[in-house]
Structure formats: C-alpha cells, structure tokens
C-alpha cells in the first residue's frame, strides 16, 4: 500500500489525493458492512481517480493507445474516460492485476448494468466520502448504511440530475445501469 500511496501522491493534486484517501476509507467501511473483501475495496478506492487530474486530450490519447472504446459522449466530455483509463493505469503503472479491482475502478464514474458488490461499493464510496458536499449527500450516506442498492440508485439519480442541470449529455451507460437497478429494486 505504501508504494500505491507514494506513487498516487505524485500523480494527483492535494485535494484529489485527500478525496482518494476518503474513498478508500469509505470503501473499506462499506466492504465491512456488506461482506466484501476489504483489501480489494481499499486498493480500488485509493486508485479509482489515478487518471482524474489528466487533461481531456491526454485521456483521449491514452484511451486510443489502450484500445478503449470511446463514444460521442466521451469525446464531448473526455473527463468521463478517467475511470477506464485509470483502470488501465492501475494495471500498467501500479501493477494491479486483480480483475475485480480493475473493473471497479473502470466503472466508478458511469456504473454498469451488471455491477458486482465491489463495483457498487467503490461507486457509492466515491460519491459519499466525507469530503463530498452537495445537496442530498446525507440522504445517500444514510441509505448506504441500510441498503447499498438504494444508495447506488441515489448516486445515479444525483449524477443524471447534475448532467441535466448543466445541459450536458447523459451517458447511456449510466441511464441503462440506473434503469436496470430500478427495475431490480422494484421487483424485490
């Protein structure tokens, strides 16, 4: 973990590094609460934003270099690529070879239709870590203590709402992930 911390500190500004520490701690707490692997949650939480401080043109170039698919929404908003690019950097630059950890890093921004427990934990932890301040965050934090699925739904709703209010496109992956989750939650 020390190697990860030292390397990550050199890649991120202070605020983003502190956020990453908060996500790591929150992911570990959620892993304990929901019976997931603490160590995997810690690594994924810590490294989830390793590419976040890169400029958009660099994210696009790395996505091409790593043969990652890029759609029109991502071309318009390259910051969305920091998750899949970050997963590849975690593999190449940090030596992470655990597929569930890499997948959780790759999905932490947009989500996905078939998210694992670890994927959900890292996604939610990113949105509720103690440094996050936005309207409704306390409701999502409370939901996370009771029902991870409901917390995840709250995160999707928040993210989609932010995109709509900003006049930005909503990524179809997030819309599809939200719809599938909502249907599953309503079926239960």
Protein backbone atom coordinates (compact mmCIF):
# COMPACT_ATOMS: atom_id res chain seq x y z
CA UNK A 1 0.00 0.00 0.00
CA UNK A 2 2.90 2.34 0.71
CA UNK A 3 4.00 2.15 -2.95
CA UNK A 4 0.47 3.00 -4.08
CA UNK A 5 0.28 5.96 -1.72
CA UNK A 6 3.63 7.42 -2.73
CA UNK A 7 3.04 6.98 -6.45
CA UNK A 8 -0.51 8.33 -6.28
CA UNK A 9 0.59 11.40 -4.29
CA UNK A 10 2.85 12.29 -7.22
CA UNK A 11 0.02 11.98 -9.75
CA UNK A 12 -2.76 13.94 -8.04
CA UNK A 13 -3.18 17.38 -6.57
CA UNK A 14 -3.61 17.56 -2.79
CA UNK A 15 -7.40 17.84 -2.87
CA UNK A 16 -7.81 14.84 -5.19
CA UNK A 17 -5.33 12.81 -3.13
CA UNK A 18 -7.31 13.54 0.04
CA UNK A 19 -10.51 12.57 -1.80
CA UNK A 20 -8.88 9.27 -2.80
CA UNK A 21 -7.97 8.57 0.83
CA UNK A 22 -11.56 9.31 1.82
CA UNK A 23 -12.90 6.97 -0.86
CA UNK A 24 -10.50 4.26 0.29
CA UNK A 25 -11.66 4.57 3.91
CA UNK A 26 -15.33 4.71 2.93
CA UNK A 27 -14.98 1.71 0.61
CA UNK A 28 -13.37 -0.31 3.41
CA UNK A 29 -16.23 0.57 5.79
CA UNK A 30 -18.82 -0.39 3.18
CA UNK A 31 -16.95 -3.63 2.44
CA UNK A 32 -17.06 -4.49 6.14
CA UNK A 33 -20.77 -3.66 6.30
CA UNK A 34 -21.72 -5.68 3.21
CA UNK A 35 -19.25 -8.57 3.47
CA UNK A 36 -16.90 -7.69 0.61
CA UNK A 37 -13.12 -8.02 0.51
CA UNK A 38 -11.63 -5.11 2.48
CA UNK A 39 -8.25 -5.21 0.75
CA UNK A 40 -9.77 -5.08 -2.74
CA UNK A 41 -12.05 -2.25 -1.67
CA UNK A 42 -9.06 -0.34 -0.26
CA UNK A 43 -6.97 -0.64 -3.42
CA UNK A 44 -9.85 0.19 -5.76
CA UNK A 45 -10.95 3.10 -3.57
CA UNK A 46 -7.45 4.53 -3.34
CA UNK A 47 -6.60 4.24 -7.05
CA UNK A 48 -10.04 5.00 -8.53
CA UNK A 49 -9.09 8.56 -9.57
CA UNK A 50 -5.46 7.96 -10.56
CA UNK A 51 -6.17 9.45 -14.03
CA UNK A 52 -8.59 12.17 -12.88
CA UNK A 53 -6.15 15.07 -13.00
CA UNK A 54 -5.17 14.40 -16.62
CA UNK A 55 -6.39 16.86 -19.26
CA UNK A 56 -9.04 15.71 -21.70
CA UNK A 57 -6.75 15.46 -24.71
CA UNK A 58 -4.40 13.19 -22.75
CA UNK A 59 -7.29 10.99 -21.63
CA UNK A 60 -8.45 10.68 -25.25
CA UNK A 61 -4.91 9.86 -26.41
CA UNK A 62 -4.47 7.22 -23.71
CA UNK A 63 -7.87 5.71 -24.50
CA UNK A 64 -6.73 5.31 -28.12
CA UNK A 65 -3.35 3.94 -27.02
CA UNK A 66 -5.04 1.41 -24.70
CA UNK A 67 -7.64 0.46 -27.36
CA UNK A 68 -10.52 1.56 -25.13
CA UNK A 69 -13.83 2.28 -26.84
CA UNK A 70 -14.78 5.96 -26.93
CA UNK A 71 -18.26 7.12 -27.84
CA UNK A 72 -19.58 10.57 -28.75
CA UNK A 73 -20.47 11.50 -25.17
CA UNK A 74 -16.95 10.67 -24.03
CA UNK A 75 -15.45 12.63 -26.91
CA UNK A 76 -17.55 15.61 -25.81
CA UNK A 77 -16.74 15.04 -22.12
CA UNK A 78 -13.35 13.29 -22.02
CA UNK A 79 -13.24 13.54 -18.22
CA UNK A 80 -15.56 10.51 -18.27
CA UNK A 81 -12.64 8.48 -19.62
CA UNK A 82 -10.65 8.90 -16.41
CA UNK A 83 -12.27 5.75 -14.99
CA UNK A 84 -11.40 3.24 -17.76
CA UNK A 85 -8.06 4.95 -18.42
CA UNK A 86 -7.40 4.88 -14.67
CA UNK A 87 -8.08 1.15 -14.54
CA UNK A 88 -5.51 0.61 -17.27
CA UNK A 89 -3.02 2.87 -15.47
CA UNK A 90 -3.62 0.94 -12.24
CA UNK A 91 -2.66 -2.20 -14.15
CA UNK A 92 0.31 -0.75 -16.03
CA UNK A 93 1.71 1.82 -13.58
CA UNK A 94 0.76 0.34 -10.20
CA UNK A 95 0.96 -3.36 -11.07
CA UNK A 96 -2.62 -4.15 -10.06
CA UNK A 97 -3.61 -7.43 -11.67
CA UNK A 98 -6.80 -8.20 -9.79
CA UNK A 99 -9.62 -8.10 -12.37
CA UNK A 100 -12.42 -7.21 -9.88
CA UNK A 101 -10.36 -4.27 -8.57
CA UNK A 102 -9.61 -3.03 -12.09
CA UNK A 103 -13.26 -3.42 -13.08
CA UNK A 104 -14.38 -1.39 -10.05
CA UNK A 105 -12.00 1.40 -10.99
CA UNK A 106 -13.24 1.33 -14.60
CA UNK A 107 -16.91 1.53 -13.55
CA UNK A 108 -16.69 4.07 -10.73
CA UNK A 109 -17.87 7.03 -12.81
CA UNK A 110 -20.62 5.73 -15.10
CA UNK A 111 -21.57 2.45 -13.43
CA UNK A 112 -22.75 -0.53 -15.42
CA UNK A 113 -25.70 -2.84 -15.89
CA UNK A 114 -24.19 -5.83 -14.08
CA UNK A 115 -22.26 -4.30 -11.21
CA UNK A 116 -20.65 -6.58 -8.65
CA UNK A 117 -20.74 -5.87 -4.94
CA UNK A 118 -17.24 -4.38 -5.14
CA UNK A 119 -18.25 -2.22 -8.12
CA UNK A 120 -21.20 -0.85 -6.16
CA UNK A 121 -19.10 -0.21 -3.07
CA UNK A 122 -16.45 1.79 -4.93
CA UNK A 123 -19.06 3.71 -6.95
CA UNK A 124 -21.01 4.70 -3.83
CA UNK A 125 -17.87 5.38 -1.75
CA UNK A 126 -16.71 7.84 -4.40
CA UNK A 127 -19.96 9.79 -4.08
CA UNK A 128 -20.29 9.77 -0.27
CA UNK A 129 -16.77 10.01 1.14
CA UNK A 130 -16.56 12.57 3.98
CA UNK A 131 -15.19 15.36 1.79
CA UNK A 132 -18.21 15.34 -0.53
CA UNK A 133 -20.56 18.28 -0.09
CA UNK A 134 -23.63 18.50 -2.31
CA UNK A 135 -27.39 18.65 -1.76
CA UNK A 136 -28.67 15.18 -0.88
CA UNK A 137 -25.34 13.61 0.05
CA UNK A 138 -26.52 12.94 3.62
CA UNK A 139 -29.54 11.05 2.30
CA UNK A 140 -27.28 8.86 0.17
CA UNK A 141 -24.90 8.33 3.11
CA UNK A 142 -27.83 7.22 5.26
CA UNK A 143 -29.09 4.90 2.52
CA UNK A 144 -25.60 3.39 2.21
CA UNK A 145 -25.76 2.29 5.85
CA UNK A 146 -29.06 0.45 5.24
CA UNK A 147 -29.33 -0.60 1.59
CA UNK A 148 -26.45 -0.39 -0.87
CA UNK A 149 -28.80 -0.74 -3.86
CA UNK A 150 -30.87 2.26 -2.77
CA UNK A 151 -27.68 4.25 -2.18
CA UNK A 152 -26.48 3.34 -5.66
CA UNK A 153 -29.81 4.46 -7.12
CA UNK A 154 -29.43 7.77 -5.28
CA UNK A 155 -25.96 8.19 -6.77
CA UNK A 156 -27.24 7.53 -10.28
CA UNK A 157 -30.12 9.98 -9.79
CA UNK A 158 -27.73 12.63 -8.48
CA UNK A 159 -25.29 12.18 -11.37
CA UNK A 160 -28.02 12.25 -14.02
CA UNK A 161 -29.58 15.31 -12.40
CA UNK A 162 -26.25 17.14 -12.40
CA UNK A 163 -25.77 16.40 -16.10
CA UNK A 164 -29.27 17.60 -16.94
CA UNK A 165 -28.90 20.82 -14.91
CA UNK A 166 -25.56 21.52 -16.59
CA UNK A 167 -27.08 20.97 -20.04
CA UNK A 168 -24.66 18.10 -20.67
CA UNK A 169 -25.41 14.81 -22.35
CA UNK A 170 -26.28 11.92 -20.05
CA UNK A 171 -24.15 8.88 -20.75
CA UNK A 172 -26.27 5.93 -21.93
CA UNK A 173 -24.31 3.53 -19.71
CA UNK A 174 -25.47 5.40 -16.62
CA UNK A 175 -29.06 5.58 -17.84
CA UNK A 176 -29.09 1.85 -18.60
CA UNK A 177 -27.45 0.99 -15.28
CA UNK A 178 -29.98 3.09 -13.39
CA UNK A 179 -32.93 1.60 -15.22
CA UNK A 180 -31.77 -1.96 -14.64
CA UNK A 181 -31.14 -1.28 -10.96
CA UNK A 182 -34.51 0.46 -10.53
CA UNK A 183 -36.36 -2.46 -12.12
CA UNK A 184 -34.48 -4.93 -9.91
CA UNK A 185 -35.17 -2.93 -6.74
CA UNK A 186 -38.86 -2.57 -7.59
CA UNK A 187 -39.12 -6.31 -8.27
CA UNK A 188 -37.94 -7.10 -4.73
